[in-house]
Amino acid sequence: MPTTSPLDPQRLEADLQAFVAALRRARGGDAVSLDPGHRVPFRWPPPSVLHRFPVRDEDARTEVVVAMGEEPFEVEVVETPAAVVARCDALWLDAHGPSVDEALAELADRAEPLLRRQRLVARMLGLEGRHAGPISELGPLEHLKLLYCEDRDIGHEAQVAIETLHERRALFPALLSILRDRSHPFRRAAQWAVLDLFEDLPSFCDSRVEELRAVAAMKSLLWDAEDDYCRTVYKAGVVLGGQVPLSEGGDALIECLRAPSRIGRRSATHGLFHVVEWQPERRGEVVGALRRAAAQEAEPALRVYAEAMARDIEAERLDHIVEPTFPDEGP
């Protein structure tokens, strides 16, 4: 007998949209997209120093309370023959220095990356102070909000939690709203995460109708893209061409060869290479579409790109021409 999910898909979607809308209001309606940069993996704890300064039974020990990030922490201070060692079990952290003050200062410096990350998680969720617990133990709505984090590694942790959620299909409307978002400053980071999740699209959809809604949302990313921060628009083309198990993915890419966005047209040109990898019977159709697009393309770099891609696909090459970069995109 089927069970009813305790998660309310419509409520999750509405609450996430309210979160995005509140930020836009706080920014005075500004909808400019910002570049969060690359993901920098965060690892904790950092390497311990205790193996370099063995603590003996006879060494003097002191328990002190130290303010780190404006929060008190209990710290054990041990004066070894080689150095003073400070250890904070609550943060899984230790440090050393030639004096007590210097060891404590080093401990505070080493703690700051973790405390800063935990404060950022709390701020994203509208909480005071810092979130000291695992991101994986938060709820689905909190995970959805954290996909928008400017620290992409925090968003990555939230994405992993969503991937392992038993009821992840209940998140589909909210994930779709992220792809349709045109207002959050760090929407590209969240959209990239959703596209990564949608590489296994059937795990998030209850029906073909929902799959087609996902295709339409991905197509819209290409259609009006103003930037390709996080390589999100590029990834949308890859997912439509090589990951979505529907012929409509290829159809969307062919339509996007005439998108108003040159970034979207570039992504569609690349994505069509993957369409033919999985649907070789569409080779002639795709080659013809690329050549027609090249003949009508106003952007010289994209005209050359579409022509070369058509030749690569027609020749059944295993690789293809590298996509062009526009001068104003930066390194």
C-alpha atoms as a PDB file:
ATOM      1  CA  MET A   1       0.000   0.000   0.000  1.00  0.00           C
ATOM      2  CA  PRO A   2       1.567   3.366  -0.965  1.00  0.00           C
ATOM      3  CA  THR A   3       2.408   5.770   1.822  1.00  0.00           C
ATOM      4  CA  THR A   4       1.843   9.514   1.849  1.00  0.00           C
ATOM      5  CA  SER A   5       4.974  11.645   2.084  1.00  0.00           C
ATOM      6  CA  PRO A   6       5.066  13.806   5.244  1.00  0.00           C
ATOM      7  CA  LEU A   7       6.789  16.506   3.177  1.00  0.00           C
ATOM      8  CA  ASP A   8       4.488  19.013   1.513  1.00  0.00           C
ATOM      9  CA  PRO A   9       5.919  19.831  -1.947  1.00  0.00           C
ATOM     10  CA  GLN A  10       3.842  22.993  -2.355  1.00  0.00           C
ATOM     11  CA  ARG A  11       4.796  24.274   1.102  1.00  0.00           C
ATOM     12  CA  LEU A  12       8.493  23.670   0.429  1.00  0.00           C
ATOM     13  CA  GLU A  13       8.213  25.552  -2.854  1.00  0.00           C
ATOM     14  CA  ALA A  14       6.296  28.454  -1.298  1.00  0.00           C
ATOM     15  CA  ASP A  15       8.686  28.770   1.647  1.00  0.00           C
ATOM     16  CA  LEU A  16      11.722  28.734  -0.624  1.00  0.00           C
ATOM     17  CA  GLN A  17      10.194  31.370  -2.910  1.00  0.00           C
ATOM     18  CA  ALA A  18       9.435  33.518   0.148  1.00  0.00           C
ATOM     19  CA  PHE A  19      13.101  33.192   1.170  1.00  0.00           C
ATOM     20  CA  VAL A  20      14.255  34.408  -2.255  1.00  0.00           C
ATOM     21  CA  ALA A  21      11.660  37.195  -2.390  1.00  0.00           C
ATOM     22  CA  ALA A  22      12.670  38.495   1.046  1.00  0.00           C
ATOM     23  CA  LEU A  23      16.280  38.813  -0.054  1.00  0.00           C
ATOM     24  CA  ARG A  24      15.286  40.638  -3.218  1.00  0.00           C
ATOM     25  CA  ARG A  25      13.251  43.115  -1.178  1.00  0.00           C
ATOM     26  CA  ALA A  26      16.220  43.613   1.129  1.00  0.00           C
ATOM     27  CA  ARG A  27      18.347  44.413  -1.931  1.00  0.00           C
ATOM     28  CA  GLY A  28      15.850  47.007  -3.102  1.00  0.00           C
ATOM     29  CA  GLY A  29      14.653  44.851  -5.993  1.00  0.00           C
ATOM     30  CA  ASP A  30      18.168  44.361  -7.383  1.00  0.00           C
ATOM     31  CA  ALA A  31      18.240  41.108  -9.390  1.00  0.00           C
ATOM     32  CA  VAL A  32      21.827  41.257 -10.627  1.00  0.00           C
ATOM     33  CA  SER A  33      23.523  37.859 -10.715  1.00  0.00           C
ATOM     34  CA  LEU A  34      26.829  37.580  -8.842  1.00  0.00           C
ATOM     35  CA  ASP A  35      29.686  35.165  -9.396  1.00  0.00           C
ATOM     36  CA  PRO A  36      30.407  33.014  -6.300  1.00  0.00           C
ATOM     37  CA  GLY A  37      33.532  31.623  -7.921  1.00  0.00           C
ATOM     38  CA  HIS A  38      34.750  28.071  -7.748  1.00  0.00           C
ATOM     39  CA  ARG A  39      33.928  25.600  -5.023  1.00  0.00           C
ATOM     40  CA  VAL A  40      36.727  25.345  -2.446  1.00  0.00           C
ATOM     41  CA  PRO A  41      36.349  22.076  -0.476  1.00  0.00           C
ATOM     42  CA  PHE A  42      36.366  22.597   3.294  1.00  0.00           C
ATOM     43  CA  ARG A  43      38.058  20.000   5.470  1.00  0.00           C
ATOM     44  CA  TRP A  44      37.920  19.858   9.239  1.00  0.00           C
ATOM     45  CA  PRO A  45      39.722  19.360  11.519  1.00  0.00           C
ATOM     46  CA  PRO A  46      43.052  20.653  10.254  1.00  0.00           C
ATOM     47  CA  PRO A  47      46.147  18.538  10.956  1.00  0.00           C
ATOM     48  CA  SER A  48      46.847  18.169  14.653  1.00  0.00           C
ATOM     49  CA  VAL A  49      50.113  19.418  16.178  1.00  0.00           C
ATOM     50  CA  LEU A  50      50.063  17.019  19.133  1.00  0.00           C
ATOM     51  CA  HIS A  51      52.281  14.453  17.413  1.00  0.00           C
ATOM     52  CA  ARG A  52      54.989  17.138  17.208  1.00  0.00           C
ATOM     53  CA  PHE A  53      54.727  18.088  20.871  1.00  0.00           C
ATOM     54  CA  PRO A  54      53.989  14.960  22.939  1.00  0.00           C
ATOM     55  CA  VAL A  55      52.221  15.731  26.189  1.00  0.00           C
ATOM     56  CA  ARG A  56      53.660  14.053  29.294  1.00  0.00           C
ATOM     57  CA  ASP A  57      51.929  13.301  32.584  1.00  0.00           C
ATOM     58  CA  GLU A  58      54.194  15.708  34.458  1.00  0.00           C
ATOM     59  CA  ASP A  59      53.541  18.662  32.133  1.00  0.00           C
ATOM     60  CA  ALA A  60      51.659  21.576  33.678  1.00  0.00           C
ATOM     61  CA  ARG A  61      48.017  21.749  32.575  1.00  0.00           C
ATOM     62  CA  THR A  62      45.578  24.625  32.876  1.00  0.00           C
ATOM     63  CA  GLU A  63      41.904  24.927  31.945  1.00  0.00           C
ATOM     64  CA  VAL A  64      41.013  28.362  30.575  1.00  0.00           C
ATOM     65  CA  VAL A  65      38.034  29.950  28.822  1.00  0.00           C
ATOM     66  CA  VAL A  66      38.956  31.711  25.603  1.00  0.00           C
ATOM     67  CA  ALA A  67      36.752  33.951  23.461  1.00  0.00           C
ATOM     68  CA  MET A  68      36.910  32.903  19.802  1.00  0.00           C
ATOM     69  CA  GLY A  69      34.550  34.539  17.386  1.00  0.00           C
ATOM     70  CA  GLU A  70      32.955  36.358  20.341  1.00  0.00           C
ATOM     71  CA  GLU A  71      32.020  33.008  21.888  1.00  0.00           C
ATOM     72  CA  PRO A  72      33.610  31.392  24.973  1.00  0.00           C
ATOM     73  CA  PHE A  73      35.303  28.017  24.582  1.00  0.00           C
ATOM     74  CA  GLU A  74      36.960  25.795  27.162  1.00  0.00           C
ATOM     75  CA  VAL A  75      40.595  25.255  26.248  1.00  0.00           C
ATOM     76  CA  GLU A  76      43.215  23.025  27.830  1.00  0.00           C
ATOM     77  CA  VAL A  77      46.698  24.564  27.926  1.00  0.00           C
ATOM     78  CA  VAL A  78      49.691  22.251  28.368  1.00  0.00           C
ATOM     79  CA  GLU A  79      53.224  23.543  28.844  1.00  0.00           C
ATOM     80  CA  THR A  80      55.517  20.944  27.274  1.00  0.00           C
ATOM     81  CA  PRO A  81      59.320  21.266  27.162  1.00  0.00           C
ATOM     82  CA  ALA A  82      59.194  22.150  23.453  1.00  0.00           C
ATOM     83  CA  ALA A  83      56.171  24.462  23.281  1.00  0.00           C
ATOM     84  CA  VAL A  84      52.880  25.456  24.825  1.00  0.00           C
ATOM     85  CA  VAL A  85      49.995  23.428  23.377  1.00  0.00           C
ATOM     86  CA  ALA A  86      46.383  24.647  23.441  1.00  0.00           C
ATOM     87  CA  ARG A  87      43.558  22.234  22.730  1.00  0.00           C
ATOM     88  CA  CYS A  88      39.814  22.843  22.275  1.00  0.00           C
ATOM     89  CA  ASP A  89      37.909  19.569  22.201  1.00  0.00           C
ATOM     90  CA  ALA A  90      34.645  21.304  21.267  1.00  0.00           C
ATOM     91  CA  LEU A  91      36.198  22.352  17.938  1.00  0.00           C
ATOM     92  CA  TRP A  92      38.427  19.299  17.427  1.00  0.00           C
ATOM     93  CA  LEU A  93      41.328  21.710  17.280  1.00  0.00           C
ATOM     94  CA  ASP A  94      44.767  22.299  18.756  1.00  0.00           C
ATOM     95  CA  ALA A  95      47.622  24.756  18.283  1.00  0.00           C
ATOM     96  CA  HIS A  96      51.027  25.585  19.695  1.00  0.00           C
ATOM     97  CA  GLY A  97      53.231  28.563  20.436  1.00  0.00           C
ATOM     98  CA  PRO A  98      56.274  29.604  22.449  1.00  0.00           C
ATOM     99  CA  SER A  99      54.035  31.126  25.154  1.00  0.00           C
ATOM    100  CA  VAL A 100      50.508  30.691  26.467  1.00  0.00           C
ATOM    101  CA  ASP A 101      49.276  33.901  24.832  1.00  0.00           C
ATOM    102  CA  GLU A 102      50.797  32.979  21.479  1.00  0.00           C
ATOM    103  CA  ALA A 103      49.410  29.438  21.593  1.00  0.00           C
ATOM    104  CA  LEU A 104      45.923  30.791  22.321  1.00  0.00           C
ATOM    105  CA  ALA A 105      46.224  33.356  19.558  1.00  0.00           C
ATOM    106  CA  GLU A 106      47.230  30.627  17.112  1.00  0.00           C
ATOM    107  CA  LEU A 107      44.294  28.497  18.271  1.00  0.00           C
ATOM    108  CA  ALA A 108      41.899  31.389  17.586  1.00  0.00           C
ATOM    109  CA  ASP A 109      43.387  31.922  14.117  1.00  0.00           C
ATOM    110  CA  ARG A 110      43.040  28.228  13.284  1.00  0.00           C
ATOM    111  CA  ALA A 111      39.428  28.199  14.525  1.00  0.00           C
ATOM    112  CA  GLU A 112      38.268  31.160  12.449  1.00  0.00           C
ATOM    113  CA  PRO A 113      37.607  29.291   9.127  1.00  0.00           C
ATOM    114  CA  LEU A 114      35.248  26.878  10.901  1.00  0.00           C
ATOM    115  CA  LEU A 115      33.519  29.579  12.925  1.00  0.00           C
ATOM    116  CA  ARG A 116      33.135  31.783   9.843  1.00  0.00           C
ATOM    117  CA  ARG A 117      31.582  28.887   7.922  1.00  0.00           C
ATOM    118  CA  GLN A 118      29.191  28.082  10.761  1.00  0.00           C
ATOM    119  CA  ARG A 119      28.171  31.738  11.072  1.00  0.00           C
ATOM    120  CA  LEU A 120      27.488  31.860   7.347  1.00  0.00           C
ATOM    121  CA  VAL A 121      25.234  28.792   7.555  1.00  0.00           C
ATOM    122  CA  ALA A 122      23.324  30.406  10.410  1.00  0.00           C
ATOM    123  CA  ARG A 123      22.974  33.697   8.532  1.00  0.00           C
ATOM    124  CA  MET A 124      21.650  31.903   5.446  1.00  0.00           C
ATOM    125  CA  LEU A 125      19.005  30.253   7.607  1.00  0.00           C
ATOM    126  CA  GLY A 126      18.081  33.395   9.525  1.00  0.00           C
ATOM    127  CA  LEU A 127      19.550  32.122  12.800  1.00  0.00           C
ATOM    128  CA  GLU A 128      21.588  33.911  15.436  1.00  0.00           C
ATOM    129  CA  GLY A 129      25.208  33.039  16.088  1.00  0.00           C
ATOM    130  CA  ARG A 130      26.519  29.956  14.342  1.00  0.00           C
ATOM    131  CA  HIS A 131      25.197  26.572  13.296  1.00  0.00           C
ATOM    132  CA  ALA A 132      27.555  24.100  14.969  1.00  0.00           C
ATOM    133  CA  GLY A 133      25.852  20.873  13.906  1.00  0.00           C
ATOM    134  CA  PRO A 134      26.242  18.888  10.680  1.00  0.00           C
ATOM    135  CA  ILE A 135      24.528  20.338   7.631  1.00  0.00           C
ATOM    136  CA  SER A 136      23.258  16.851   6.846  1.00  0.00           C
ATOM    137  CA  GLU A 137      21.057  16.945   9.971  1.00  0.00           C
ATOM    138  CA  LEU A 138      19.127  20.010   8.829  1.00  0.00           C
ATOM    139  CA  GLY A 139      15.727  19.726   7.187  1.00  0.00           C
ATOM    140  CA  PRO A 140      14.887  19.750   3.455  1.00  0.00           C
ATOM    141  CA  LEU A 141      13.887  23.433   3.410  1.00  0.00           C
ATOM    142  CA  GLU A 142      17.185  24.402   5.044  1.00  0.00           C
ATOM    143  CA  HIS A 143      19.075  22.313   2.488  1.00  0.00           C
ATOM    144  CA  LEU A 144      17.246  24.080  -0.338  1.00  0.00           C
ATOM    145  CA  LYS A 145      18.134  27.493   1.101  1.00  0.00           C
ATOM    146  CA  LEU A 146      21.791  26.536   1.481  1.00  0.00           C
ATOM    147  CA  LEU A 147      22.048  25.715  -2.220  1.00  0.00           C
ATOM    148  CA  TYR A 148      22.061  29.505  -2.648  1.00  0.00           C
ATOM    149  CA  CYS A 149      25.049  30.015  -0.380  1.00  0.00           C
ATOM    150  CA  GLU A 150      27.883  32.137  -1.726  1.00  0.00           C
ATOM    151  CA  ASP A 151      30.250  29.511  -0.291  1.00  0.00           C
ATOM    152  CA  ARG A 152      29.660  26.781  -2.844  1.00  0.00           C
ATOM    153  CA  ASP A 153      31.076  24.074  -0.584  1.00  0.00           C
ATOM    154  CA  ILE A 154      28.253  24.707   1.878  1.00  0.00           C
ATOM    155  CA  GLY A 155      25.835  24.388  -1.034  1.00  0.00           C
ATOM    156  CA  HIS A 156      27.576  21.178  -2.047  1.00  0.00           C
ATOM    157  CA  GLU A 157      26.993  19.677   1.405  1.00  0.00           C
ATOM    158  CA  ALA A 158      23.322  20.591   1.146  1.00  0.00           C
ATOM    159  CA  GLN A 159      23.176  19.039  -2.324  1.00  0.00           C
ATOM    160  CA  VAL A 160      24.642  15.773  -1.033  1.00  0.00           C
ATOM    161  CA  ALA A 161      22.012  15.749   1.716  1.00  0.00           C
ATOM    162  CA  ILE A 162      19.271  16.195  -0.894  1.00  0.00           C
ATOM    163  CA  GLU A 163      20.718  13.383  -3.012  1.00  0.00           C
ATOM    164  CA  THR A 164      20.389  10.980  -0.092  1.00  0.00           C
ATOM    165  CA  LEU A 165      16.928  12.123   0.991  1.00  0.00           C
ATOM    166  CA  HIS A 166      14.406   9.301   0.801  1.00  0.00           C
ATOM    167  CA  GLU A 167      11.575  11.678  -0.135  1.00  0.00           C
ATOM    168  CA  ARG A 168      13.485  13.753  -2.654  1.00  0.00           C
ATOM    169  CA  ARG A 169      10.611  13.748  -5.161  1.00  0.00           C
ATOM    170  CA  ALA A 170       8.758  16.044  -2.790  1.00  0.00           C
ATOM    171  CA  LEU A 171      11.448  18.643  -3.481  1.00  0.00           C
ATOM    172  CA  PHE A 172      10.820  18.729  -7.231  1.00  0.00           C
ATOM    173  CA  PRO A 173       8.601  21.865  -7.330  1.00  0.00           C
ATOM    174  CA  ALA A 174      11.116  23.772  -5.196  1.00  0.00           C
ATOM    175  CA  LEU A 175      14.054  22.611  -7.317  1.00  0.00           C
ATOM    176  CA  LEU A 176      12.174  23.699 -10.411  1.00  0.00           C
ATOM    177  CA  SER A 177      11.604  27.136  -8.886  1.00  0.00           C
ATOM    178  CA  ILE A 178      15.379  27.452  -8.418  1.00  0.00           C
ATOM    179  CA  LEU A 179      15.933  26.880 -12.133  1.00  0.00           C
ATOM    180  CA  ARG A 180      13.311  29.538 -12.869  1.00  0.00           C
ATOM    181  CA  ASP A 181      14.747  32.026 -10.374  1.00  0.00           C
ATOM    182  CA  ARG A 182      15.874  35.318 -11.883  1.00  0.00           C
ATOM    183  CA  SER A 183      16.347  37.348  -8.684  1.00  0.00           C
ATOM    184  CA  HIS A 184      18.681  35.784  -6.104  1.00  0.00           C
ATOM    185  CA  PRO A 185      22.231  37.154  -6.485  1.00  0.00           C
ATOM    186  CA  PHE A 186      23.792  33.706  -6.137  1.00  0.00           C
ATOM    187  CA  ARG A 187      21.168  31.862  -8.164  1.00  0.00           C
ATOM    188  CA  ARG A 188      23.780  30.395 -10.492  1.00  0.00           C
ATOM    189  CA  ALA A 189      25.336  28.371  -7.669  1.00  0.00           C
ATOM    190  CA  ALA A 190      21.919  27.002  -6.689  1.00  0.00           C
ATOM    191  CA  GLN A 191      20.980  26.309 -10.304  1.00  0.00           C
ATOM    192  CA  TRP A 192      24.229  24.444 -10.928  1.00  0.00           C
ATOM    193  CA  ALA A 193      23.472  22.249  -7.918  1.00  0.00           C
ATOM    194  CA  VAL A 194      19.953  21.526  -9.186  1.00  0.00           C
ATOM    195  CA  LEU A 195      21.295  20.630 -12.624  1.00  0.00           C
ATOM    196  CA  ASP A 196      23.742  18.253 -10.988  1.00  0.00           C
ATOM    197  CA  LEU A 197      20.830  16.639  -9.140  1.00  0.00           C
ATOM    198  CA  PHE A 198      18.823  16.472 -12.363  1.00  0.00           C
ATOM    199  CA  GLU A 199      21.476  14.319 -13.986  1.00  0.00           C
ATOM    200  CA  ASP A 200      19.355  11.647 -12.312  1.00  0.00           C
ATOM    201  CA  LEU A 201      16.093  13.351 -13.232  1.00  0.00           C
ATOM    202  CA  PRO A 202      13.739  10.353 -12.793  1.00  0.00           C
ATOM    203  CA  SER A 203      14.695  10.196  -9.104  1.00  0.00           C
ATOM    204  CA  PHE A 204      13.043  13.594  -8.616  1.00  0.00           C
ATOM    205  CA  CYS A 205      10.022  13.261 -10.908  1.00  0.00           C
ATOM    206  CA  ASP A 206       6.754  11.407 -10.427  1.00  0.00           C
ATOM    207  CA  SER A 207       5.692  11.530 -14.075  1.00  0.00           C
ATOM    208  CA  ARG A 208       6.660  12.338 -17.634  1.00  0.00           C
ATOM    209  CA  VAL A 209       4.788  15.601 -17.251  1.00  0.00           C
ATOM    210  CA  GLU A 210       7.182  16.609 -14.487  1.00  0.00           C
ATOM    211  CA  GLU A 211      10.169  15.558 -16.588  1.00  0.00           C
ATOM    212  CA  LEU A 212       8.959  17.797 -19.395  1.00  0.00           C
ATOM    213  CA  ARG A 213       8.567  20.676 -16.929  1.00  0.00           C
ATOM    214  CA  ALA A 214      12.203  20.159 -15.948  1.00  0.00           C
ATOM    215  CA  VAL A 215      13.245  20.220 -19.601  1.00  0.00           C
ATOM    216  CA  ALA A 216      11.347  23.478 -20.097  1.00  0.00           C
ATOM    217  CA  ALA A 217      13.027  25.043 -17.060  1.00  0.00           C
ATOM    218  CA  MET A 218      16.473  24.023 -18.275  1.00  0.00           C
ATOM    219  CA  LYS A 219      15.700  25.363 -21.723  1.00  0.00           C
ATOM    220  CA  SER A 220      14.725  28.704 -20.178  1.00  0.00           C
ATOM    221  CA  LEU A 221      18.164  28.940 -18.564  1.00  0.00           C
ATOM    222  CA  LEU A 222      19.751  28.826 -22.004  1.00  0.00           C
ATOM    223  CA  TRP A 223      17.147  31.050 -23.626  1.00  0.00           C
ATOM    224  CA  ASP A 224      17.723  34.229 -21.625  1.00  0.00           C
ATOM    225  CA  ALA A 225      21.107  33.659 -19.935  1.00  0.00           C
ATOM    226  CA  GLU A 226      22.958  36.889 -19.139  1.00  0.00           C
ATOM    227  CA  ASP A 227      26.054  35.175 -17.767  1.00  0.00           C
ATOM    228  CA  ASP A 228      27.549  31.737 -17.291  1.00  0.00           C
ATOM    229  CA  TYR A 229      28.725  32.016 -13.701  1.00  0.00           C
ATOM    230  CA  CYS A 230      29.500  28.605 -12.185  1.00  0.00           C
ATOM    231  CA  ARG A 231      29.284  27.225 -15.748  1.00  0.00           C
ATOM    232  CA  THR A 232      25.593  26.792 -15.038  1.00  0.00           C
ATOM    233  CA  VAL A 233      24.339  27.508 -18.555  1.00  0.00           C
ATOM    234  CA  TYR A 234      26.993  25.217 -19.998  1.00  0.00           C
ATOM    235  CA  LYS A 235      25.872  22.473 -17.607  1.00  0.00           C
ATOM    236  CA  ALA A 236      22.231  22.945 -18.561  1.00  0.00           C
ATOM    237  CA  GLY A 237      23.176  22.158 -22.159  1.00  0.00           C
ATOM    238  CA  VAL A 238      25.115  19.075 -21.076  1.00  0.00           C
ATOM    239  CA  VAL A 239      22.231  17.775 -18.958  1.00  0.00           C
ATOM    240  CA  LEU A 240      19.669  18.373 -21.714  1.00  0.00           C
ATOM    241  CA  GLY A 241      21.902  16.740 -24.301  1.00  0.00           C
ATOM    242  CA  GLY A 242      23.505  13.902 -22.429  1.00  0.00           C
ATOM    243  CA  GLN A 243      21.628  13.180 -19.188  1.00  0.00           C
ATOM    244  CA  VAL A 244      17.893  13.687 -19.737  1.00  0.00           C
ATOM    245  CA  PRO A 245      16.398  10.426 -21.044  1.00  0.00           C
ATOM    246  CA  LEU A 246      13.952  12.251 -23.307  1.00  0.00           C
ATOM    247  CA  SER A 247      14.050  13.244 -26.962  1.00  0.00           C
ATOM    248  CA  GLU A 248      12.602  16.588 -25.845  1.00  0.00           C
ATOM    249  CA  GLY A 249      16.009  17.463 -24.394  1.00  0.00           C
ATOM    250  CA  GLY A 250      17.495  17.463 -27.873  1.00  0.00           C
ATOM    251  CA  ASP A 251      14.479  19.318 -29.224  1.00  0.00           C
ATOM    252  CA  ALA A 252      15.024  22.047 -26.636  1.00  0.00           C
ATOM    253  CA  LEU A 253      18.674  22.426 -27.634  1.00  0.00           C
ATOM    254  CA  ILE A 254      17.806  22.723 -31.316  1.00  0.00           C
ATOM    255  CA  GLU A 255      15.296  25.454 -30.462  1.00  0.00           C
ATOM    256  CA  CYS A 256      17.937  27.220 -28.346  1.00  0.00           C
ATOM    257  CA  LEU A 257      20.200  27.595 -31.376  1.00  0.00           C
ATOM    258  CA  ARG A 258      18.041  30.677 -32.046  1.00  0.00           C
ATOM    259  CA  ALA A 259      17.879  31.843 -28.413  1.00  0.00           C
ATOM    260  CA  PRO A 260      18.373  35.586 -27.817  1.00  0.00           C
ATOM    261  CA  SER A 261      21.243  34.751 -25.454  1.00  0.00           C
ATOM    262  CA  ARG A 262      24.579  34.136 -27.160  1.00  0.00           C
ATOM    263  CA  ILE A 263      25.635  32.203 -24.038  1.00  0.00           C
ATOM    264  CA  GLY A 264      22.586  30.006 -24.453  1.00  0.00           C
ATOM    265  CA  ARG A 265      23.292  29.458 -28.146  1.00  0.00           C
ATOM    266  CA  ARG A 266      26.841  28.449 -27.299  1.00  0.00           C
ATOM    267  CA  SER A 267      25.620  25.953 -24.707  1.00  0.00           C
ATOM    268  CA  ALA A 268      23.050  24.523 -27.113  1.00  0.00           C
ATOM    269  CA  THR A 269      25.714  24.016 -29.785  1.00  0.00           C
ATOM    270  CA  HIS A 270      27.845  22.054 -27.357  1.00  0.00           C
ATOM    271  CA  GLY A 271      24.922  20.095 -25.918  1.00  0.00           C
ATOM    272  CA  LEU A 272      23.907  18.828 -29.346  1.00  0.00           C
ATOM    273  CA  PHE A 273      27.161  16.874 -29.590  1.00  0.00           C
ATOM    274  CA  HIS A 274      25.949  14.818 -26.620  1.00  0.00           C
ATOM    275  CA  VAL A 275      22.499  14.370 -28.135  1.00  0.00           C
ATOM    276  CA  VAL A 276      24.023  12.525 -31.079  1.00  0.00           C
ATOM    277  CA  GLU A 277      26.174  10.411 -28.735  1.00  0.00           C
ATOM    278  CA  TRP A 278      23.006   8.978 -27.193  1.00  0.00           C
ATOM    279  CA  GLN A 279      20.667   9.299 -30.186  1.00  0.00           C
ATOM    280  CA  PRO A 280      22.832   8.643 -33.263  1.00  0.00           C
ATOM    281  CA  GLU A 281      19.711   8.422 -35.411  1.00  0.00           C
ATOM    282  CA  ARG A 282      19.390  12.204 -35.017  1.00  0.00           C
ATOM    283  CA  ARG A 283      22.790  12.922 -36.586  1.00  0.00           C
ATOM    284  CA  GLY A 284      21.440  14.290 -39.850  1.00  0.00           C
ATOM    285  CA  GLU A 285      18.787  16.382 -38.087  1.00  0.00           C
ATOM    286  CA  VAL A 286      21.350  17.891 -35.701  1.00  0.00           C
ATOM    287  CA  VAL A 287      23.915  18.598 -38.415  1.00  0.00           C
ATOM    288  CA  GLY A 288      21.259  20.337 -40.497  1.00  0.00           C
ATOM    289  CA  ALA A 289      20.116  22.424 -37.524  1.00  0.00           C
ATOM    290  CA  LEU A 290      23.680  23.492 -36.726  1.00  0.00           C
ATOM    291  CA  ARG A 291      24.365  24.511 -40.310  1.00  0.00           C
ATOM    292  CA  ARG A 292      21.181  26.536 -40.515  1.00  0.00           C
ATOM    293  CA  ALA A 293      22.081  28.194 -37.231  1.00  0.00           C
ATOM    294  CA  ALA A 294      25.585  28.991 -38.481  1.00  0.00           C
ATOM    295  CA  ALA A 295      24.171  30.614 -41.604  1.00  0.00           C
ATOM    296  CA  GLN A 296      21.992  32.908 -39.485  1.00  0.00           C
ATOM    297  CA  GLU A 297      24.425  33.509 -36.582  1.00  0.00           C
ATOM    298  CA  ALA A 298      25.388  37.155 -36.006  1.00  0.00           C
ATOM    299  CA  GLU A 299      28.187  36.373 -33.526  1.00  0.00           C
ATOM    300  CA  PRO A 300      31.322  35.504 -35.544  1.00  0.00           C
ATOM    301  CA  ALA A 301      32.790  33.170 -32.896  1.00  0.00           C
ATOM    302  CA  LEU A 302      29.529  31.245 -32.614  1.00  0.00           C
ATOM    303  CA  ARG A 303      29.176  31.010 -36.379  1.00  0.00           C
ATOM    304  CA  VAL A 304      32.599  29.342 -36.599  1.00  0.00           C
ATOM    305  CA  TYR A 305      31.744  27.161 -33.594  1.00  0.00           C
ATOM    306  CA  ALA A 306      28.453  25.902 -35.050  1.00  0.00           C
ATOM    307  CA  GLU A 307      30.052  25.175 -38.421  1.00  0.00           C
ATOM    308  CA  ALA A 308      32.902  23.239 -36.809  1.00  0.00           C
ATOM    309  CA  MET A 309      30.535  21.340 -34.508  1.00  0.00           C
ATOM    310  CA  ALA A 310      28.426  20.303 -37.491  1.00  0.00           C
ATOM    311  CA  ARG A 311      31.555  18.946 -39.212  1.00  0.00           C
ATOM    312  CA  ASP A 312      32.651  17.073 -36.075  1.00  0.00           C
ATOM    313  CA  ILE A 313      29.247  15.447 -35.625  1.00  0.00           C
ATOM    314  CA  GLU A 314      28.920  14.611 -39.318  1.00  0.00           C
ATOM    315  CA  ALA A 315      32.371  12.978 -39.291  1.00  0.00           C
ATOM    316  CA  GLU A 316      31.382  10.986 -36.173  1.00  0.00           C
ATOM    317  CA  ARG A 317      34.393  12.259 -34.268  1.00  0.00           C
ATOM    318  CA  LEU A 318      34.792  11.198 -30.655  1.00  0.00           C
ATOM    319  CA  ASP A 319      35.709  14.720 -29.616  1.00  0.00           C
ATOM    320  CA  HIS A 320      34.673  18.166 -30.760  1.00  0.00           C
ATOM    321  CA  ILE A 321      35.937  21.701 -31.160  1.00  0.00           C
ATOM    322  CA  VAL A 322      36.463  23.633 -27.945  1.00  0.00           C
ATOM    323  CA  GLU A 323      33.750  26.206 -27.298  1.00  0.00           C
ATOM    324  CA  PRO A 324      34.704  29.868 -27.729  1.00  0.00           C
ATOM    325  CA  THR A 325      35.032  32.331 -24.860  1.00  0.00           C
ATOM    326  CA  PHE A 326      33.666  35.829 -25.319  1.00  0.00           C
ATOM    327  CA  PRO A 327      36.123  38.696 -24.639  1.00  0.00           C
ATOM    328  CA  ASP A 328      33.999  40.190 -21.866  1.00  0.00           C
ATOM    329  CA  GLU A 329      33.677  36.931 -19.901  1.00  0.00           C
ATOM    330  CA  GLY A 330      37.073  37.259 -18.238  1.00  0.00           C
ATOM    331  CA  PRO A 331      39.529  34.414 -17.535  1.00  0.00           C
END
